[in-house]
PDB file of N, CA and C in Angstrom:
ATOM      1  N   MET A   1     -41.602 -17.625  36.197  1.00  0.00           N
ATOM      2  CA  MET A   1     -40.750 -16.815  35.762  1.00  0.00           C
ATOM      3  C   MET A   1     -39.545 -16.750  36.482  1.00  0.00           C
ATOM      4  N   GLN A   2     -38.521 -16.204  35.691  1.00  0.00           N
ATOM      5  CA  GLN A   2     -37.208 -15.947  36.846  1.00  0.00           C
ATOM      6  C   GLN A   2     -36.812 -14.375  36.609  1.00  0.00           C
ATOM      7  N   ARG A   3     -36.101 -14.001  37.650  1.00  0.00           N
ATOM      8  CA  ARG A   3     -35.868 -12.495  37.873  1.00  0.00           C
ATOM      9  C   ARG A   3     -35.225 -11.882  36.298  1.00  0.00           C
ATOM     10  N   GLY A   4     -34.487 -12.245  35.706  1.00  0.00           N
ATOM     11  CA  GLY A   4     -34.009 -11.943  34.383  1.00  0.00           C
ATOM     12  C   GLY A   4     -35.258 -11.772  33.433  1.00  0.00           C
ATOM     13  N   ASP A   5     -36.246 -12.366  33.545  1.00  0.00           N
ATOM     14  CA  ASP A   5     -37.128 -12.172  32.393  1.00  0.00           C
ATOM     15  C   ASP A   5     -37.944 -10.853  32.661  1.00  0.00           C
ATOM     16  N   PHE A   6     -37.736 -10.216  33.686  1.00  0.00           N
ATOM     17  CA  PHE A   6     -38.532  -9.133  33.958  1.00  0.00           C
ATOM     18  C   PHE A   6     -37.589  -7.851  33.555  1.00  0.00           C
ATOM     19  N   GLN A   7     -36.225  -8.021  32.971  1.00  0.00           N
ATOM     20  CA  GLN A   7     -35.427  -7.063  32.572  1.00  0.00           C
ATOM     21  C   GLN A   7     -35.322  -7.129  30.785  1.00  0.00           C
ATOM     22  N   SER A   8     -36.190  -7.695  30.428  1.00  0.00           N
ATOM     23  CA  SER A   8     -36.033  -7.905  28.870  1.00  0.00           C
ATOM     24  C   SER A   8     -36.894  -6.963  28.314  1.00  0.00           C
ATOM     25  N   GLU A   9     -36.810  -6.836  26.972  1.00  0.00           N
ATOM     26  CA  GLU A   9     -37.526  -5.678  26.170  1.00  0.00           C
ATOM     27  C   GLU A   9     -38.951  -5.900  26.130  1.00  0.00           C
ATOM     28  N   THR A  10     -39.043  -7.185  25.781  1.00  0.00           N
ATOM     29  CA  THR A  10     -40.593  -7.991  25.812  1.00  0.00           C
ATOM     30  C   THR A  10     -41.177  -7.568  27.053  1.00  0.00           C
ATOM     31  N   TRP A  11     -40.633  -7.758  28.499  1.00  0.00           N
ATOM     32  CA  TRP A  11     -41.461  -7.351  29.484  1.00  0.00           C
ATOM     33  C   TRP A  11     -41.775  -5.794  29.611  1.00  0.00           C
ATOM     34  N   ARG A  12     -40.692  -5.180  29.012  1.00  0.00           N
ATOM     35  CA  ARG A  12     -41.220  -3.595  29.216  1.00  0.00           C
ATOM     36  C   ARG A  12     -41.967  -3.306  28.263  1.00  0.00           C
ATOM     37  N   ARG A  13     -42.339  -3.929  27.258  1.00  0.00           N
ATOM     38  CA  ARG A  13     -43.600  -3.696  26.308  1.00  0.00           C
ATOM     39  C   ARG A  13     -44.518  -4.150  27.061  1.00  0.00           C
ATOM     40  N   ILE A  14     -44.805  -5.335  27.547  1.00  0.00           N
ATOM     41  CA  ILE A  14     -45.693  -5.988  28.129  1.00  0.00           C
ATOM     42  C   ILE A  14     -46.180  -5.056  29.243  1.00  0.00           C
ATOM     43  N   ASP A  15     -45.279  -4.702  29.994  1.00  0.00           N
ATOM     44  CA  ASP A  15     -45.449  -3.572  31.263  1.00  0.00           C
ATOM     45  C   ASP A  15     -46.208  -2.247  30.670  1.00  0.00           C
ATOM     46  N   ALA A  16     -45.507  -1.642  29.718  1.00  0.00           N
ATOM     47  CA  ALA A  16     -46.127  -0.725  29.213  1.00  0.00           C
ATOM     48  C   ALA A  16     -47.593  -0.655  28.710  1.00  0.00           C
ATOM     49  N   HIS A  17     -47.808  -1.886  27.843  1.00  0.00           N
ATOM     50  CA  HIS A  17     -49.080  -2.212  27.499  1.00  0.00           C
ATOM     51  C   HIS A  17     -50.316  -2.268  28.588  1.00  0.00           C
ATOM     52  N   LEU A  18     -49.930  -3.112  29.681  1.00  0.00           N
ATOM     53  CA  LEU A  18     -50.770  -3.374  30.656  1.00  0.00           C
ATOM     54  C   LEU A  18     -50.914  -1.967  31.629  1.00  0.00           C
ATOM     55  N   ARG A  19     -50.233  -1.087  31.606  1.00  0.00           N
ATOM     56  CA  ARG A  19     -50.280   0.238  32.321  1.00  0.00           C
ATOM     57  C   ARG A  19     -51.323   1.070  31.464  1.00  0.00           C
ATOM     58  N   GLN A  20     -51.135   1.056  30.349  1.00  0.00           N
ATOM     59  CA  GLN A  20     -52.103   1.809  29.455  1.00  0.00           C
ATOM     60  C   GLN A  20     -53.701   1.287  29.570  1.00  0.00           C
ATOM     61  N   GLU A  21     -53.521  -0.296  29.396  1.00  0.00           N
ATOM     62  CA  GLU A  21     -54.774  -0.786  29.887  1.00  0.00           C
ATOM     63  C   GLU A  21     -55.356  -0.649  31.170  1.00  0.00           C
ATOM     64  N   LEU A  22     -54.528  -0.681  32.273  1.00  0.00           N
ATOM     65  CA  LEU A  22     -54.873  -0.353  33.551  1.00  0.00           C
ATOM     66  C   LEU A  22     -55.610   1.007  33.502  1.00  0.00           C
ATOM     67  N   ASP A  23     -54.980   1.959  32.810  1.00  0.00           N
ATOM     68  CA  ASP A  23     -55.352   3.470  32.974  1.00  0.00           C
ATOM     69  C   ASP A  23     -56.877   3.400  32.344  1.00  0.00           C
ATOM     70  N   LYS A  24     -57.002   2.923  31.418  1.00  0.00           N
ATOM     71  CA  LYS A  24     -58.315   2.987  30.737  1.00  0.00           C
ATOM     72  C   LYS A  24     -59.482   2.120  31.328  1.00  0.00           C
ATOM     73  N   LEU A  25     -59.106   1.017  32.091  1.00  0.00           N
ATOM     74  CA  LEU A  25     -60.218   0.444  32.826  1.00  0.00           C
ATOM     75  C   LEU A  25     -60.490   1.304  33.849  1.00  0.00           C
ATOM     76  N   ARG A  26     -59.404   1.908  34.507  1.00  0.00           N
ATOM     77  CA  ARG A  26     -59.808   2.887  35.679  1.00  0.00           C
ATOM     78  C   ARG A  26     -60.612   3.915  35.254  1.00  0.00           C
ATOM     79  N   ARG A  27     -60.697   4.353  34.185  1.00  0.00           N
ATOM     80  CA  ARG A  27     -61.345   5.579  33.620  1.00  0.00           C
ATOM     81  C   ARG A  27     -62.767   5.056  33.121  1.00  0.00           C
ATOM     82  N   GLU A  28     -62.928   3.981  32.597  1.00  0.00           N
ATOM     83  CA  GLU A  28     -64.120   3.219  32.504  1.00  0.00           C
ATOM     84  C   GLU A  28     -64.963   2.871  33.895  1.00  0.00           C
ATOM     85  N   ASN A  29     -64.134   2.437  34.848  1.00  0.00           N
ATOM     86  CA  ASN A  29     -64.794   2.300  36.329  1.00  0.00           C
ATOM     87  C   ASN A  29     -65.296   3.604  36.989  1.00  0.00           C
ATOM     88  N   ASP A  30     -64.898   4.744  36.268  1.00  0.00           N
ATOM     89  CA  ASP A  30     -65.292   5.945  37.140  1.00  0.00           C
ATOM     90  C   ASP A  30     -66.626   6.555  36.458  1.00  0.00           C
ATOM     91  N   LYS A  31     -66.814   5.866  35.388  1.00  0.00           N
ATOM     92  CA  LYS A  31     -68.376   6.317  34.593  1.00  0.00           C
ATOM     93  C   LYS A  31     -69.364   5.983  35.569  1.00  0.00           C
ATOM     94  N   PRO A  32     -70.304   6.911  35.986  1.00  0.00           N
ATOM     95  CA  PRO A  32     -71.443   6.865  36.850  1.00  0.00           C
ATOM     96  C   PRO A  32     -72.465   5.824  36.325  1.00  0.00           C
ATOM     97  N   ASP A  33     -72.546   5.486  35.016  1.00  0.00           N
ATOM     98  CA  ASP A  33     -73.923   4.535  34.632  1.00  0.00           C
ATOM     99  C   ASP A  33     -73.621   3.259  34.297  1.00  0.00           C
ATOM    100  N   LEU A  34     -72.716   2.901  35.300  1.00  0.00           N
ATOM    101  CA  LEU A  34     -72.068   1.181  35.244  1.00  0.00           C
ATOM    102  C   LEU A  34     -73.144   0.432  36.011  1.00  0.00           C
ATOM    103  N   THR A  35     -73.656  -0.824  35.684  1.00  0.00           N
ATOM    104  CA  THR A  35     -74.316  -1.593  36.679  1.00  0.00           C
ATOM    105  C   THR A  35     -73.471  -2.272  37.400  1.00  0.00           C
ATOM    106  N   ASP A  36     -73.884  -2.856  38.480  1.00  0.00           N
ATOM    107  CA  ASP A  36     -72.949  -3.485  39.430  1.00  0.00           C
ATOM    108  C   ASP A  36     -72.062  -4.597  38.895  1.00  0.00           C
ATOM    109  N   THR A  37     -72.623  -5.543  37.792  1.00  0.00           N
ATOM    110  CA  THR A  37     -72.035  -6.532  37.156  1.00  0.00           C
ATOM    111  C   THR A  37     -70.894  -6.014  36.413  1.00  0.00           C
ATOM    112  N   GLN A  38     -71.062  -4.551  35.463  1.00  0.00           N
ATOM    113  CA  GLN A  38     -70.226  -3.936  35.011  1.00  0.00           C
ATOM    114  C   GLN A  38     -68.931  -3.614  35.847  1.00  0.00           C
ATOM    115  N   THR A  39     -69.354  -3.008  36.881  1.00  0.00           N
ATOM    116  CA  THR A  39     -68.179  -2.479  37.934  1.00  0.00           C
ATOM    117  C   THR A  39     -67.419  -3.686  38.308  1.00  0.00           C
ATOM    118  N   ALA A  40     -68.139  -4.515  38.817  1.00  0.00           N
ATOM    119  CA  ALA A  40     -67.633  -5.868  39.308  1.00  0.00           C
ATOM    120  C   ALA A  40     -66.310  -6.513  38.212  1.00  0.00           C
ATOM    121  N   THR A  41     -66.984  -6.395  36.894  1.00  0.00           N
ATOM    122  CA  THR A  41     -66.012  -6.836  35.924  1.00  0.00           C
ATOM    123  C   THR A  41     -64.703  -6.197  35.835  1.00  0.00           C
ATOM    124  N   LEU A  42     -64.925  -4.963  35.538  1.00  0.00           N
ATOM    125  CA  LEU A  42     -63.836  -3.904  35.493  1.00  0.00           C
ATOM    126  C   LEU A  42     -63.033  -4.143  36.666  1.00  0.00           C
ATOM    127  N   ARG A  43     -63.475  -4.210  37.795  1.00  0.00           N
ATOM    128  CA  ARG A  43     -62.660  -4.238  39.288  1.00  0.00           C
ATOM    129  C   ARG A  43     -61.740  -5.430  39.133  1.00  0.00           C
ATOM    130  N   GLY A  44     -62.493  -6.631  38.671  1.00  0.00           N
ATOM    131  CA  GLY A  44     -61.704  -7.820  38.551  1.00  0.00           C
ATOM    132  C   GLY A  44     -60.358  -7.957  37.614  1.00  0.00           C
ATOM    133  N   ARG A  45     -60.763  -7.253  36.386  1.00  0.00           N
ATOM    134  CA  ARG A  45     -59.629  -6.865  35.353  1.00  0.00           C
ATOM    135  C   ARG A  45     -58.407  -5.950  35.809  1.00  0.00           C
ATOM    136  N   ILE A  46     -58.903  -4.988  36.449  1.00  0.00           N
ATOM    137  CA  ILE A  46     -57.891  -4.146  37.017  1.00  0.00           C
ATOM    138  C   ILE A  46     -57.122  -4.856  38.307  1.00  0.00           C
ATOM    139  N   LEU A  47     -57.793  -5.821  38.973  1.00  0.00           N
ATOM    140  CA  LEU A  47     -56.897  -6.670  40.127  1.00  0.00           C
ATOM    141  C   LEU A  47     -55.886  -7.643  39.256  1.00  0.00           C
ATOM    142  N   GLN A  48     -56.429  -8.334  38.118  1.00  0.00           N
ATOM    143  CA  GLN A  48     -55.628  -9.130  37.429  1.00  0.00           C
ATOM    144  C   GLN A  48     -54.330  -8.342  36.864  1.00  0.00           C
ATOM    145  N   ILE A  49     -54.713  -7.194  36.366  1.00  0.00           N
ATOM    146  CA  ILE A  49     -53.576  -6.640  35.857  1.00  0.00           C
ATOM    147  C   ILE A  49     -52.464  -6.001  36.574  1.00  0.00           C
ATOM    148  N   LYS A  50     -53.022  -5.681  37.851  1.00  0.00           N
ATOM    149  CA  LYS A  50     -52.322  -5.064  39.048  1.00  0.00           C
ATOM    150  C   LYS A  50     -51.372  -6.255  39.488  1.00  0.00           C
ATOM    151  N   ARG A  51     -51.897  -7.593  39.645  1.00  0.00           N
ATOM    152  CA  ARG A  51     -51.077  -8.679  40.073  1.00  0.00           C
ATOM    153  C   ARG A  51     -49.999  -9.333  38.917  1.00  0.00           C
ATOM    154  N   ILE A  52     -50.380  -8.958  37.592  1.00  0.00           N
ATOM    155  CA  ILE A  52     -49.380  -9.373  36.627  1.00  0.00           C
ATOM    156  C   ILE A  52     -48.113  -8.195  36.739  1.00  0.00           C
ATOM    157  N   LEU A  53     -48.559  -6.848  37.138  1.00  0.00           N
ATOM    158  CA  LEU A  53     -47.496  -5.848  37.057  1.00  0.00           C
ATOM    159  C   LEU A  53     -46.814  -6.029  38.532  1.00  0.00           C
ATOM    160  N   ALA A  54     -47.230  -6.574  39.520  1.00  0.00           N
ATOM    161  CA  ALA A  54     -46.485  -6.857  40.723  1.00  0.00           C
ATOM    162  C   ALA A  54     -45.457  -8.177  40.702  1.00  0.00           C
ATOM    163  N   MET A  55     -45.602  -8.735  39.598  1.00  0.00           N
ATOM    164  CA  MET A  55     -44.975 -10.004  39.506  1.00  0.00           C
ATOM    165  C   MET A  55     -43.293  -9.729  39.687  1.00  0.00           C
ATOM    166  N   PRO A  56     -42.765  -8.508  39.276  1.00  0.00           N
ATOM    167  CA  PRO A  56     -41.400  -8.536  39.385  1.00  0.00           C
ATOM    168  C   PRO A  56     -40.784  -8.324  41.124  1.00  0.00           C
ATOM    169  N   THR A  57     -41.931  -7.676  41.586  1.00  0.00           N
ATOM    170  CA  THR A  57     -41.749  -7.481  43.227  1.00  0.00           C
ATOM    171  C   THR A  57     -41.902  -8.739  43.780  1.00  0.00           C
ATOM    172  N   ASP A  58     -42.999  -9.213  43.267  1.00  0.00           N
ATOM    173  CA  ASP A  58     -43.262 -10.832  44.008  1.00  0.00           C
ATOM    174  C   ASP A  58     -42.244 -11.791  43.817  1.00  0.00           C
ATOM    175  N   ILE A  59     -41.554 -11.579  42.710  1.00  0.00           N
ATOM    176  CA  ILE A  59     -40.311 -12.792  42.510  1.00  0.00           C
ATOM    177  C   ILE A  59     -39.126 -12.527  43.453  1.00  0.00           C
ATOM    178  N   ALA A  60     -38.879 -11.150  43.690  1.00  0.00           N
ATOM    179  CA  ALA A  60     -37.884 -10.746  44.422  1.00  0.00           C
ATOM    180  C   ALA A  60     -37.953 -11.280  46.059  1.00  0.00           C
ATOM    181  N   GLY A  61     -39.261 -11.437  46.414  1.00  0.00           N
ATOM    182  CA  GLY A  61     -39.510 -11.858  47.902  1.00  0.00           C
ATOM    183  C   GLY A  61     -39.593 -13.435  48.051  1.00  0.00           C
ATOM    184  N   GLN A  62     -39.678 -14.159  46.779  1.00  0.00           N
ATOM    185  CA  GLN A  62     -39.980 -15.539  46.672  1.00  0.00           C
ATOM    186  C   GLN A  62     -38.786 -16.362  46.180  1.00  0.00           C
ATOM    187  N   GLY A  63     -37.603 -15.793  45.984  1.00  0.00           N
ATOM    188  CA  GLY A  63     -36.701 -16.929  45.470  1.00  0.00           C
ATOM    189  C   GLY A  63     -36.234 -16.389  43.713  1.00  0.00           C
ATOM    190  N   ASP A  64     -35.803 -17.386  43.320  1.00  0.00           N
ATOM    191  CA  ASP A  64     -35.490 -17.210  41.892  1.00  0.00           C
ATOM    192  C   ASP A  64     -36.587 -17.277  40.768  1.00  0.00           C
ATOM    193  N   ASP A  65     -37.720 -17.885  41.167  1.00  0.00           N
ATOM    194  CA  ASP A  65     -38.731 -18.083  40.079  1.00  0.00           C
ATOM    195  C   ASP A  65     -40.188 -18.098  40.599  1.00  0.00           C
ATOM    196  N   LEU A  66     -41.281 -17.756  39.746  1.00  0.00           N
ATOM    197  CA  LEU A  66     -42.836 -18.060  40.245  1.00  0.00           C
ATOM    198  C   LEU A  66     -43.106 -19.182  39.734  1.00  0.00           C
ATOM    199  N   GLY A  67     -44.024 -19.686  40.370  1.00  0.00           N
ATOM    200  CA  GLY A  67     -44.699 -20.712  39.971  1.00  0.00           C
ATOM    201  C   GLY A  67     -44.179 -22.000  40.092  1.00  0.00           C
ATOM    202  N   SER A  68     -43.108 -22.118  41.018  1.00  0.00           N
ATOM    203  CA  SER A  68     -42.341 -23.446  41.181  1.00  0.00           C
ATOM    204  C   SER A  68     -42.711 -23.922  42.543  1.00  0.00           C
TER     205      SER A  68
END
């Protein structure tokens, strides 16, 4: 991805959706009756979303695009 990709309306909608999903997953993870496997799964999903949301910051430090 390139820097300009994160300025698009599409990225803003993706960002908003992921932030809502992140909030939902965090609330689910706070439930006391989860198994260790369920907790690990939720934490993995939370980490994935956080990495995607960090992409605009990551690209700023890596040059003009990610994945090259």
